[in-house]
């Protein structure tokens, strides 16, 4: 990914926090020489050296993914930025936060590990509910999915939040984003001031 220096985020704890908070993304690989993408939830392994997901076995992506270099893209808040919001001259642009994760894919076929993947995802996304769902797995359900562990080789993180603009422009953009209801992006921009 193209990342000008002023948009690059290298602080590991910041990057890992972003991944955990924005864990729904795209798994991109190659099938027969053509790019293929699935939109799915991910989670980091306990040692934070892998990112884990699962696919339905009906999804052909898993069939050629073993040992393939893959790309996972995760997107945070984003919005259009009008040059009319700047106090100094500018051009239309888009502000956003994103992470690209590169790694080698390994299939997870053991039922116990697949069950652990589903349990982990359930715990992550159900824990905030008053009455979280308690999964009861049937072998037929588990046999319909396959797990994927991606050993991370590189993480790129880009926060394009008008850091190249004067502070007066950035404050104006934050105000306009709040007016538009783009609260998460305006908070992210304020954190970069």
N, C-alpha and C. Protein backbone atom coordinates (compact mmCIF):
# COMPACT_ATOMS: atom_id res chain seq x y z
N UNK A 1 0.86 -1.17 0.00
CA UNK A 1 0.00 0.00 0.00
C UNK A 1 0.90 1.23 0.00
N UNK A 2 0.49 2.24 -0.72
CA UNK A 2 1.22 3.50 -0.75
C UNK A 2 0.93 4.25 0.54
N UNK A 3 1.98 4.58 1.30
CA UNK A 3 1.80 5.29 2.56
C UNK A 3 2.83 6.42 2.67
N UNK A 4 2.43 7.67 2.42
CA UNK A 4 3.34 8.78 2.71
C UNK A 4 3.71 8.75 4.21
N UNK A 5 4.91 9.18 4.51
CA UNK A 5 5.44 9.07 5.87
C UNK A 5 4.52 9.68 6.93
N UNK A 6 3.89 10.82 6.62
CA UNK A 6 3.06 11.49 7.62
C UNK A 6 1.73 10.77 7.88
N UNK A 7 1.39 9.76 7.08
CA UNK A 7 0.18 8.97 7.30
C UNK A 7 0.48 7.59 7.89
N UNK A 8 1.74 7.22 7.98
CA UNK A 8 2.11 5.87 8.43
C UNK A 8 2.06 5.76 9.95
N UNK A 9 1.46 4.67 10.42
CA UNK A 9 1.38 4.37 11.85
C UNK A 9 2.26 3.15 12.11
N UNK A 10 3.24 3.32 12.98
CA UNK A 10 4.18 2.23 13.25
C UNK A 10 4.13 1.74 14.70
N UNK A 11 3.43 2.45 15.57
CA UNK A 11 3.32 2.03 16.96
C UNK A 11 2.55 0.72 17.04
N UNK A 12 3.23 -0.35 17.47
CA UNK A 12 2.64 -1.70 17.45
C UNK A 12 1.34 -1.78 18.26
N UNK A 13 1.31 -1.19 19.44
CA UNK A 13 0.10 -1.29 20.25
C UNK A 13 -1.07 -0.55 19.60
N UNK A 14 -0.79 0.58 18.95
CA UNK A 14 -1.84 1.30 18.21
C UNK A 14 -2.37 0.45 17.07
N UNK A 15 -1.47 -0.17 16.31
CA UNK A 15 -1.86 -0.99 15.16
C UNK A 15 -2.67 -2.20 15.61
N UNK A 16 -2.21 -2.89 16.64
CA UNK A 16 -2.94 -4.07 17.13
C UNK A 16 -4.30 -3.68 17.70
N UNK A 17 -4.37 -2.53 18.37
CA UNK A 17 -5.66 -2.03 18.86
C UNK A 17 -6.62 -1.75 17.72
N UNK A 18 -6.10 -1.17 16.64
CA UNK A 18 -6.93 -0.91 15.46
C UNK A 18 -7.46 -2.22 14.88
N UNK A 19 -6.59 -3.22 14.78
CA UNK A 19 -6.99 -4.52 14.23
C UNK A 19 -8.12 -5.12 15.06
N UNK A 20 -7.98 -5.09 16.37
CA UNK A 20 -9.00 -5.66 17.25
C UNK A 20 -10.32 -4.91 17.16
N UNK A 21 -10.25 -3.60 16.99
CA UNK A 21 -11.46 -2.77 16.94
C UNK A 21 -12.14 -2.78 15.57
N UNK A 22 -11.43 -3.19 14.53
CA UNK A 22 -11.95 -3.14 13.15
C UNK A 22 -11.70 -4.47 12.46
N UNK A 23 -12.13 -5.55 13.09
CA UNK A 23 -11.73 -6.90 12.67
C UNK A 23 -12.58 -7.52 11.57
N UNK A 24 -13.52 -6.79 11.01
CA UNK A 24 -14.26 -7.30 9.85
C UNK A 24 -13.59 -6.73 8.61
N UNK A 25 -13.19 -7.60 7.70
CA UNK A 25 -12.47 -7.11 6.53
C UNK A 25 -12.50 -8.08 5.38
N UNK A 26 -11.52 -7.93 4.50
CA UNK A 26 -11.43 -8.76 3.30
C UNK A 26 -10.21 -9.67 3.36
N UNK A 27 -10.43 -10.93 3.02
CA UNK A 27 -9.36 -11.89 2.81
C UNK A 27 -9.18 -11.99 1.31
N UNK A 28 -8.00 -11.60 0.82
CA UNK A 28 -7.74 -11.57 -0.62
C UNK A 28 -6.66 -12.58 -0.95
N UNK A 29 -6.99 -13.46 -1.89
CA UNK A 29 -6.04 -14.48 -2.34
C UNK A 29 -6.22 -14.65 -3.84
N UNK A 30 -5.60 -15.68 -4.37
CA UNK A 30 -5.68 -15.94 -5.81
C UNK A 30 -6.31 -17.31 -6.04
N UNK A 31 -7.24 -17.35 -6.97
CA UNK A 31 -7.83 -18.62 -7.41
C UNK A 31 -7.63 -18.69 -8.91
N UNK A 32 -6.87 -19.65 -9.36
CA UNK A 32 -6.63 -19.80 -10.79
C UNK A 32 -6.02 -18.57 -11.43
N UNK A 33 -5.15 -17.87 -10.68
CA UNK A 33 -4.49 -16.69 -11.21
C UNK A 33 -5.32 -15.42 -11.17
N UNK A 34 -6.49 -15.48 -10.54
CA UNK A 34 -7.36 -14.31 -10.45
C UNK A 34 -7.61 -13.97 -8.98
N UNK A 35 -7.62 -12.67 -8.64
CA UNK A 35 -7.87 -12.27 -7.26
C UNK A 35 -9.27 -12.69 -6.84
N UNK A 36 -9.39 -13.08 -5.57
CA UNK A 36 -10.67 -13.48 -5.00
C UNK A 36 -10.73 -12.91 -3.59
N UNK A 37 -11.88 -12.37 -3.20
CA UNK A 37 -12.02 -11.72 -1.90
C UNK A 37 -13.25 -12.23 -1.17
N UNK A 38 -13.10 -12.45 0.13
CA UNK A 38 -14.22 -12.78 1.01
C UNK A 38 -14.27 -11.77 2.14
N UNK A 39 -15.46 -11.31 2.45
CA UNK A 39 -15.67 -10.35 3.54
C UNK A 39 -16.05 -11.14 4.79
N UNK A 40 -15.16 -11.13 5.79
CA UNK A 40 -15.34 -12.00 6.96
C UNK A 40 -14.74 -11.37 8.21
N UNK A 41 -15.13 -11.86 9.40
CA UNK A 41 -14.50 -11.40 10.64
C UNK A 41 -13.19 -12.15 10.89
N UNK A 42 -12.28 -11.47 11.54
CA UNK A 42 -10.97 -12.01 11.89
C UNK A 42 -10.73 -11.79 13.38
N UNK A 43 -9.75 -12.49 13.93
CA UNK A 43 -9.23 -12.17 15.25
C UNK A 43 -7.76 -12.54 15.31
N UNK A 44 -7.04 -11.83 16.17
CA UNK A 44 -5.61 -12.09 16.35
C UNK A 44 -5.41 -13.31 17.24
N UNK A 45 -4.39 -14.09 16.94
CA UNK A 45 -4.02 -15.20 17.81
C UNK A 45 -3.55 -14.64 19.15
N UNK A 46 -3.48 -15.50 20.15
CA UNK A 46 -3.07 -15.06 21.48
C UNK A 46 -1.69 -14.41 21.48
N UNK A 47 -0.77 -14.94 20.68
CA UNK A 47 0.59 -14.37 20.62
C UNK A 47 0.69 -13.19 19.65
N UNK A 48 -0.42 -12.86 18.98
CA UNK A 48 -0.53 -11.74 18.04
C UNK A 48 0.40 -11.87 16.84
N UNK A 49 0.77 -13.11 16.50
CA UNK A 49 1.62 -13.36 15.34
C UNK A 49 0.85 -13.91 14.15
N UNK A 50 -0.43 -14.19 14.37
CA UNK A 50 -1.29 -14.71 13.30
C UNK A 50 -2.64 -14.02 13.39
N UNK A 51 -3.34 -14.02 12.27
CA UNK A 51 -4.73 -13.56 12.24
C UNK A 51 -5.55 -14.76 11.75
N UNK A 52 -6.69 -14.98 12.37
CA UNK A 52 -7.44 -16.21 12.17
C UNK A 52 -8.85 -15.88 11.69
N UNK A 53 -9.37 -16.76 10.82
CA UNK A 53 -10.72 -16.60 10.29
C UNK A 53 -11.26 -17.97 9.89
N UNK A 54 -12.45 -17.98 9.33
CA UNK A 54 -13.00 -19.22 8.79
C UNK A 54 -13.84 -18.89 7.57
N UNK A 55 -14.00 -19.89 6.73
CA UNK A 55 -14.81 -19.78 5.52
C UNK A 55 -15.77 -20.96 5.45
N UNK A 56 -16.89 -20.74 4.78
CA UNK A 56 -17.77 -21.86 4.46
C UNK A 56 -17.06 -22.72 3.43
N UNK A 57 -17.20 -24.03 3.56
CA UNK A 57 -16.55 -24.92 2.60
C UNK A 57 -17.12 -24.76 1.20
N UNK A 58 -18.29 -24.18 1.09
CA UNK A 58 -18.86 -23.91 -0.25
C UNK A 58 -18.14 -22.75 -0.93
N UNK A 59 -17.43 -21.95 -0.16
CA UNK A 59 -16.66 -20.83 -0.70
C UNK A 59 -15.38 -21.42 -1.32
N UNK A 60 -15.17 -21.25 -2.62
CA UNK A 60 -14.01 -21.87 -3.27
C UNK A 60 -12.66 -21.28 -2.85
N UNK A 61 -12.66 -20.18 -2.13
CA UNK A 61 -11.39 -19.53 -1.79
C UNK A 61 -10.46 -20.44 -1.01
N UNK A 62 -10.98 -21.27 -0.15
CA UNK A 62 -10.11 -22.09 0.70
C UNK A 62 -9.37 -23.18 -0.08
N UNK A 63 -9.90 -23.57 -1.22
CA UNK A 63 -9.36 -24.72 -1.95
C UNK A 63 -7.93 -24.52 -2.45
N UNK A 64 -7.53 -23.28 -2.73
CA UNK A 64 -6.17 -23.01 -3.25
C UNK A 64 -5.35 -22.12 -2.32
N UNK A 65 -5.84 -21.91 -1.10
CA UNK A 65 -5.21 -20.91 -0.23
C UNK A 65 -4.02 -21.43 0.57
N UNK A 66 -3.92 -22.74 0.74
CA UNK A 66 -2.84 -23.33 1.55
C UNK A 66 -1.47 -22.86 1.05
N UNK A 67 -0.66 -22.33 1.96
CA UNK A 67 0.70 -21.83 1.69
C UNK A 67 0.75 -20.63 0.74
N UNK A 68 -0.37 -20.03 0.47
CA UNK A 68 -0.41 -18.86 -0.41
C UNK A 68 -0.16 -17.59 0.40
N UNK A 69 0.58 -16.65 -0.19
CA UNK A 69 0.71 -15.31 0.40
C UNK A 69 -0.61 -14.60 0.17
N UNK A 70 -1.25 -14.16 1.26
CA UNK A 70 -2.57 -13.53 1.17
C UNK A 70 -2.50 -12.13 1.75
N UNK A 71 -3.55 -11.38 1.49
CA UNK A 71 -3.69 -10.02 2.01
C UNK A 71 -5.02 -9.93 2.74
N UNK A 72 -4.97 -9.38 3.95
CA UNK A 72 -6.18 -9.06 4.71
C UNK A 72 -6.24 -7.54 4.80
N UNK A 73 -7.38 -6.96 4.43
CA UNK A 73 -7.56 -5.52 4.56
C UNK A 73 -8.66 -5.24 5.57
N UNK A 74 -8.38 -4.32 6.47
CA UNK A 74 -9.33 -3.91 7.50
C UNK A 74 -9.53 -2.41 7.37
N UNK A 75 -10.77 -1.98 7.44
CA UNK A 75 -11.11 -0.58 7.23
C UNK A 75 -11.71 0.01 8.50
N UNK A 76 -11.23 1.17 8.89
CA UNK A 76 -11.82 1.91 9.99
C UNK A 76 -12.76 2.97 9.44
N UNK A 77 -13.05 4.00 10.23
CA UNK A 77 -13.94 5.05 9.77
C UNK A 77 -13.34 5.80 8.57
N UNK A 78 -14.22 6.30 7.71
CA UNK A 78 -13.78 7.02 6.51
C UNK A 78 -14.88 7.97 6.07
N UNK A 79 -14.50 9.00 5.32
CA UNK A 79 -15.50 9.93 4.80
C UNK A 79 -14.85 10.86 3.77
N UNK A 80 -15.70 11.43 2.94
CA UNK A 80 -15.30 12.44 1.95
C UNK A 80 -14.95 13.74 2.67
N UNK A 81 -13.91 14.42 2.18
CA UNK A 81 -13.49 15.70 2.73
C UNK A 81 -13.56 16.75 1.62
N UNK A 82 -14.44 17.73 1.81
CA UNK A 82 -14.61 18.79 0.80
C UNK A 82 -13.57 19.88 0.99
N UNK A 83 -12.98 20.36 -0.12
CA UNK A 83 -12.02 21.47 0.00
C UNK A 83 -12.68 22.76 0.50
N UNK A 84 -14.00 22.84 0.41
CA UNK A 84 -14.70 24.03 0.91
C UNK A 84 -14.62 24.13 2.44
N UNK A 85 -14.20 23.05 3.09
CA UNK A 85 -14.06 23.06 4.55
C UNK A 85 -12.73 23.66 4.99
N UNK A 86 -11.78 23.81 4.07
CA UNK A 86 -10.45 24.31 4.42
C UNK A 86 -10.44 25.83 4.45
N UNK A 87 -9.59 26.37 5.29
CA UNK A 87 -9.36 27.82 5.30
C UNK A 87 -8.32 28.20 4.26
N UNK A 88 -7.46 27.24 3.90
CA UNK A 88 -6.45 27.46 2.85
C UNK A 88 -6.82 26.60 1.64
N UNK A 89 -6.31 26.92 0.44
CA UNK A 89 -6.69 26.18 -0.77
C UNK A 89 -6.40 24.68 -0.64
N UNK A 90 -7.27 23.89 -1.25
CA UNK A 90 -7.10 22.44 -1.22
C UNK A 90 -7.89 21.77 -2.32
N UNK A 91 -7.89 20.47 -2.30
CA UNK A 91 -8.62 19.67 -3.30
C UNK A 91 -9.50 18.66 -2.57
N UNK A 92 -10.53 18.12 -3.26
CA UNK A 92 -11.35 17.08 -2.63
C UNK A 92 -10.48 15.86 -2.29
N UNK A 93 -10.80 15.21 -1.20
CA UNK A 93 -10.05 14.02 -0.80
C UNK A 93 -10.92 13.12 0.06
N UNK A 94 -10.32 12.08 0.57
CA UNK A 94 -11.01 11.12 1.44
C UNK A 94 -10.10 10.87 2.63
N UNK A 95 -10.63 10.97 3.83
CA UNK A 95 -9.88 10.62 5.04
C UNK A 95 -10.31 9.24 5.50
N UNK A 96 -9.34 8.46 6.00
CA UNK A 96 -9.65 7.07 6.38
C UNK A 96 -8.55 6.49 7.24
N UNK A 97 -8.88 5.35 7.83
CA UNK A 97 -7.92 4.53 8.56
C UNK A 97 -8.01 3.12 8.01
N UNK A 98 -6.86 2.51 7.75
CA UNK A 98 -6.86 1.16 7.20
C UNK A 98 -5.60 0.41 7.62
N UNK A 99 -5.73 -0.91 7.62
CA UNK A 99 -4.59 -1.79 7.88
C UNK A 99 -4.56 -2.85 6.79
N UNK A 100 -3.36 -3.13 6.29
CA UNK A 100 -3.13 -4.25 5.38
C UNK A 100 -2.23 -5.24 6.11
N UNK A 101 -2.66 -6.49 6.13
CA UNK A 101 -1.89 -7.56 6.78
C UNK A 101 -1.52 -8.58 5.72
N UNK A 102 -0.23 -8.85 5.60
CA UNK A 102 0.27 -9.84 4.66
C UNK A 102 0.71 -11.07 5.45
N UNK A 103 0.50 -12.24 4.86
CA UNK A 103 0.95 -13.45 5.54
C UNK A 103 0.70 -14.68 4.72
N UNK A 104 1.19 -15.79 5.23
CA UNK A 104 1.05 -17.09 4.58
C UNK A 104 -0.10 -17.84 5.23
N UNK A 105 -1.02 -18.34 4.40
CA UNK A 105 -2.22 -19.01 4.88
C UNK A 105 -1.99 -20.49 5.12
N UNK A 106 -2.56 -20.97 6.21
CA UNK A 106 -2.55 -22.40 6.56
C UNK A 106 -3.99 -22.80 6.88
N UNK A 107 -4.42 -23.92 6.33
CA UNK A 107 -5.76 -24.42 6.62
C UNK A 107 -5.81 -25.05 8.00
N UNK A 108 -6.94 -24.87 8.65
CA UNK A 108 -7.22 -25.52 9.93
C UNK A 108 -8.39 -26.47 9.67
N UNK A 109 -8.13 -27.75 9.78
CA UNK A 109 -9.16 -28.75 9.44
C UNK A 109 -9.67 -29.53 10.64
N UNK A 110 -8.95 -29.50 11.76
CA UNK A 110 -9.37 -30.26 12.93
C UNK A 110 -10.63 -29.65 13.54
N UNK A 111 -11.63 -30.49 13.80
CA UNK A 111 -12.91 -30.03 14.33
C UNK A 111 -12.74 -29.25 15.63
N UNK A 112 -11.84 -29.70 16.50
CA UNK A 112 -11.65 -29.03 17.79
C UNK A 112 -11.12 -27.61 17.60
N UNK A 113 -10.22 -27.42 16.65
CA UNK A 113 -9.68 -26.07 16.39
C UNK A 113 -10.71 -25.18 15.71
N UNK A 114 -11.51 -25.77 14.83
CA UNK A 114 -12.58 -24.98 14.18
C UNK A 114 -13.59 -24.55 15.24
N UNK A 115 -13.92 -25.45 16.15
CA UNK A 115 -14.83 -25.12 17.25
C UNK A 115 -14.25 -23.97 18.07
N UNK A 116 -12.95 -24.00 18.33
CA UNK A 116 -12.30 -22.92 19.08
C UNK A 116 -12.38 -21.59 18.34
N UNK A 117 -12.26 -21.62 17.02
CA UNK A 117 -12.39 -20.38 16.22
C UNK A 117 -13.78 -19.79 16.41
N UNK A 118 -14.81 -20.63 16.27
CA UNK A 118 -16.18 -20.14 16.41
C UNK A 118 -16.42 -19.66 17.84
N UNK A 119 -15.90 -20.38 18.82
CA UNK A 119 -16.06 -19.96 20.22
C UNK A 119 -15.40 -18.61 20.47
N UNK A 120 -14.21 -18.41 19.92
CA UNK A 120 -13.49 -17.14 20.10
C UNK A 120 -14.27 -15.99 19.46
N UNK A 121 -14.74 -16.18 18.24
CA UNK A 121 -15.52 -15.14 17.57
C UNK A 121 -16.81 -14.84 18.33
N UNK A 122 -17.46 -15.90 18.82
CA UNK A 122 -18.69 -15.73 19.59
C UNK A 122 -18.41 -14.93 20.86
N UNK A 123 -17.34 -15.25 21.54
CA UNK A 123 -17.00 -14.53 22.77
C UNK A 123 -16.71 -13.06 22.48
N UNK A 124 -15.99 -12.79 21.41
CA UNK A 124 -15.65 -11.41 21.05
C UNK A 124 -16.92 -10.60 20.77
N UNK A 125 -17.82 -11.14 19.97
CA UNK A 125 -18.96 -10.35 19.50
C UNK A 125 -20.22 -10.49 20.33
N UNK A 126 -20.34 -11.52 21.16
CA UNK A 126 -21.52 -11.70 22.00
C UNK A 126 -21.32 -11.16 23.42
N UNK A 127 -20.09 -10.93 23.83
CA UNK A 127 -19.81 -10.58 25.22
C UNK A 127 -20.47 -9.29 25.68
N UNK A 128 -20.77 -8.39 24.77
CA UNK A 128 -21.38 -7.11 25.16
C UNK A 128 -22.90 -7.20 25.31
N UNK A 129 -23.50 -8.33 24.95
CA UNK A 129 -24.96 -8.47 25.04
C UNK A 129 -25.37 -8.89 26.45
N UNK A 130 -26.56 -8.44 26.87
CA UNK A 130 -27.08 -8.81 28.19
C UNK A 130 -27.23 -10.33 28.32
N UNK A 131 -27.73 -10.96 27.28
CA UNK A 131 -27.88 -12.42 27.28
C UNK A 131 -27.18 -12.97 26.05
N UNK A 132 -25.87 -13.18 26.17
CA UNK A 132 -25.11 -13.67 25.01
C UNK A 132 -25.57 -15.06 24.58
N UNK A 133 -25.45 -15.29 23.29
CA UNK A 133 -25.77 -16.59 22.72
C UNK A 133 -24.76 -17.60 23.20
N UNK A 134 -25.25 -18.76 23.57
CA UNK A 134 -24.36 -19.84 23.99
C UNK A 134 -24.41 -20.92 22.92
N UNK A 135 -23.36 -21.04 22.13
CA UNK A 135 -23.41 -21.95 20.99
C UNK A 135 -23.44 -23.42 21.39
N UNK A 136 -24.25 -24.15 20.68
CA UNK A 136 -24.26 -25.61 20.79
C UNK A 136 -23.90 -26.11 19.40
N UNK A 137 -22.74 -26.69 19.30
CA UNK A 137 -22.23 -27.08 17.99
C UNK A 137 -22.66 -28.49 17.64
N UNK A 138 -23.00 -28.66 16.40
CA UNK A 138 -23.27 -29.98 15.86
C UNK A 138 -22.15 -30.28 14.88
N UNK A 139 -21.76 -31.51 14.80
CA UNK A 139 -20.69 -31.89 13.89
C UNK A 139 -20.99 -31.44 12.46
N UNK A 140 -22.27 -31.49 12.07
CA UNK A 140 -22.61 -31.09 10.70
C UNK A 140 -22.33 -29.60 10.47
N UNK A 141 -22.51 -28.78 11.53
CA UNK A 141 -22.21 -27.35 11.40
C UNK A 141 -20.71 -27.14 11.26
N UNK A 142 -19.94 -27.81 12.10
CA UNK A 142 -18.49 -27.64 12.07
C UNK A 142 -17.88 -28.19 10.80
N UNK A 143 -18.47 -29.25 10.26
CA UNK A 143 -17.91 -29.85 9.04
C UNK A 143 -18.19 -29.00 7.80
N UNK A 144 -19.05 -27.99 7.93
CA UNK A 144 -19.39 -27.13 6.80
C UNK A 144 -18.46 -25.92 6.68
N UNK A 145 -17.53 -25.77 7.63
CA UNK A 145 -16.61 -24.63 7.58
C UNK A 145 -15.17 -25.12 7.71
N UNK A 146 -14.26 -24.24 7.34
CA UNK A 146 -12.83 -24.54 7.45
C UNK A 146 -12.13 -23.32 8.03
N UNK A 147 -11.18 -23.56 8.91
CA UNK A 147 -10.45 -22.47 9.52
C UNK A 147 -9.22 -22.10 8.71
N UNK A 148 -8.80 -20.86 8.87
CA UNK A 148 -7.59 -20.38 8.20
C UNK A 148 -6.78 -19.57 9.20
N UNK A 149 -5.51 -19.93 9.32
CA UNK A 149 -4.57 -19.16 10.13
C UNK A 149 -3.57 -18.51 9.19
N UNK A 150 -3.43 -17.21 9.32
CA UNK A 150 -2.51 -16.46 8.47
C UNK A 150 -1.34 -16.01 9.34
N UNK A 151 -0.18 -16.60 9.10
CA UNK A 151 1.04 -16.21 9.82
C UNK A 151 1.48 -14.85 9.29
N UNK A 152 1.44 -13.85 10.13
CA UNK A 152 1.70 -12.47 9.70
C UNK A 152 3.17 -12.27 9.35
N UNK A 153 3.40 -11.77 8.12
CA UNK A 153 4.76 -11.43 7.70
C UNK A 153 4.98 -9.92 7.66
N UNK A 154 3.89 -9.16 7.49
CA UNK A 154 4.01 -7.70 7.45
C UNK A 154 2.65 -7.08 7.75
N UNK A 155 2.69 -5.98 8.49
CA UNK A 155 1.48 -5.18 8.74
C UNK A 155 1.78 -3.75 8.31
N UNK A 156 0.89 -3.19 7.50
CA UNK A 156 0.99 -1.78 7.11
C UNK A 156 -0.25 -1.08 7.66
N UNK A 157 -0.04 0.07 8.29
CA UNK A 157 -1.15 0.82 8.87
C UNK A 157 -1.08 2.26 8.39
N UNK A 158 -2.21 2.73 7.88
CA UNK A 158 -2.28 4.09 7.34
C UNK A 158 -3.48 4.81 7.94
N UNK A 159 -3.20 5.96 8.56
CA UNK A 159 -4.25 6.86 9.02
C UNK A 159 -4.12 8.13 8.18
N UNK A 160 -4.95 8.26 7.17
CA UNK A 160 -4.95 9.47 6.35
C UNK A 160 -6.00 10.41 6.94
N UNK A 161 -5.53 11.30 7.81
CA UNK A 161 -6.44 12.13 8.60
C UNK A 161 -6.07 13.62 8.50
N UNK A 162 -5.71 14.04 7.31
CA UNK A 162 -5.37 15.45 7.04
C UNK A 162 -4.13 15.93 7.79
N UNK A 163 -3.23 14.99 8.16
CA UNK A 163 -2.02 15.40 8.88
C UNK A 163 -1.14 16.32 8.04
N UNK A 164 -1.35 16.35 6.73
CA UNK A 164 -0.56 17.20 5.84
C UNK A 164 -1.15 18.61 5.71
N UNK A 165 -2.22 18.88 6.43
CA UNK A 165 -2.89 20.19 6.37
C UNK A 165 -2.55 21.00 7.63
N UNK A 166 -2.67 22.33 7.55
CA UNK A 166 -2.48 23.16 8.75
C UNK A 166 -3.52 22.79 9.82
N UNK A 167 -3.16 23.02 11.06
CA UNK A 167 -4.07 22.66 12.16
C UNK A 167 -5.42 23.35 12.03
N UNK A 168 -5.44 24.59 11.55
CA UNK A 168 -6.72 25.31 11.38
C UNK A 168 -7.64 24.56 10.41
N UNK A 169 -7.08 24.02 9.34
CA UNK A 169 -7.88 23.22 8.39
C UNK A 169 -8.36 21.93 9.04
N UNK A 170 -7.49 21.30 9.80
CA UNK A 170 -7.86 20.04 10.45
C UNK A 170 -9.00 20.25 11.44
N UNK A 171 -8.93 21.32 12.20
CA UNK A 171 -10.00 21.62 13.16
C UNK A 171 -11.32 21.88 12.44
N UNK A 172 -11.25 22.57 11.31
CA UNK A 172 -12.46 22.84 10.52
C UNK A 172 -13.05 21.53 9.98
N UNK A 173 -12.20 20.64 9.50
CA UNK A 173 -12.65 19.34 8.99
C UNK A 173 -13.30 18.53 10.11
N UNK A 174 -12.70 18.53 11.29
CA UNK A 174 -13.27 17.81 12.44
C UNK A 174 -14.68 18.32 12.73
N UNK A 175 -14.84 19.64 12.73
CA UNK A 175 -16.15 20.23 13.00
C UNK A 175 -17.17 19.81 11.94
N UNK A 176 -16.78 19.88 10.66
CA UNK A 176 -17.70 19.50 9.58
C UNK A 176 -18.06 18.02 9.64
N UNK A 177 -17.09 17.17 9.98
CA UNK A 177 -17.37 15.74 10.10
C UNK A 177 -18.35 15.48 11.24
N UNK A 178 -18.20 16.18 12.34
CA UNK A 178 -19.15 16.03 13.46
C UNK A 178 -20.55 16.44 13.03
N UNK A 179 -20.65 17.54 12.29
CA UNK A 179 -21.95 18.00 11.79
C UNK A 179 -22.60 16.96 10.88
N UNK A 180 -21.77 16.25 10.11
CA UNK A 180 -22.27 15.22 9.18
C UNK A 180 -22.58 13.90 9.89
N UNK A 181 -22.22 13.80 11.17
CA UNK A 181 -22.45 12.56 11.90
C UNK A 181 -21.32 11.55 11.79
N UNK A 182 -20.19 11.98 11.25
CA UNK A 182 -19.03 11.11 11.11
C UNK A 182 -18.17 11.21 12.38
N UNK A 183 -18.77 10.75 13.48
CA UNK A 183 -18.19 10.95 14.81
C UNK A 183 -16.88 10.18 14.99
N UNK A 184 -16.84 8.91 14.60
CA UNK A 184 -15.62 8.12 14.79
C UNK A 184 -14.43 8.72 14.05
N UNK A 185 -14.66 9.17 12.82
CA UNK A 185 -13.56 9.76 12.05
C UNK A 185 -13.11 11.08 12.67
N UNK A 186 -14.07 11.89 13.12
CA UNK A 186 -13.68 13.16 13.75
C UNK A 186 -12.89 12.91 15.03
N UNK A 187 -13.26 11.87 15.81
CA UNK A 187 -12.48 11.52 17.01
C UNK A 187 -11.08 11.07 16.64
N UNK A 188 -10.98 10.26 15.60
CA UNK A 188 -9.66 9.78 15.16
C UNK A 188 -8.78 10.97 14.74
N UNK A 189 -9.38 11.94 14.04
CA UNK A 189 -8.62 13.12 13.63
C UNK A 189 -8.17 13.93 14.84
N UNK A 190 -9.06 14.08 15.81
CA UNK A 190 -8.71 14.85 17.01
C UNK A 190 -7.55 14.18 17.75
N UNK A 191 -7.54 12.85 17.77
CA UNK A 191 -6.46 12.11 18.43
C UNK A 191 -5.11 12.34 17.75
N UNK A 192 -5.11 12.72 16.48
CA UNK A 192 -3.87 12.93 15.72
C UNK A 192 -3.38 14.38 15.80
N UNK A 193 -4.13 15.26 16.44
CA UNK A 193 -3.71 16.67 16.55
C UNK A 193 -2.49 16.80 17.44
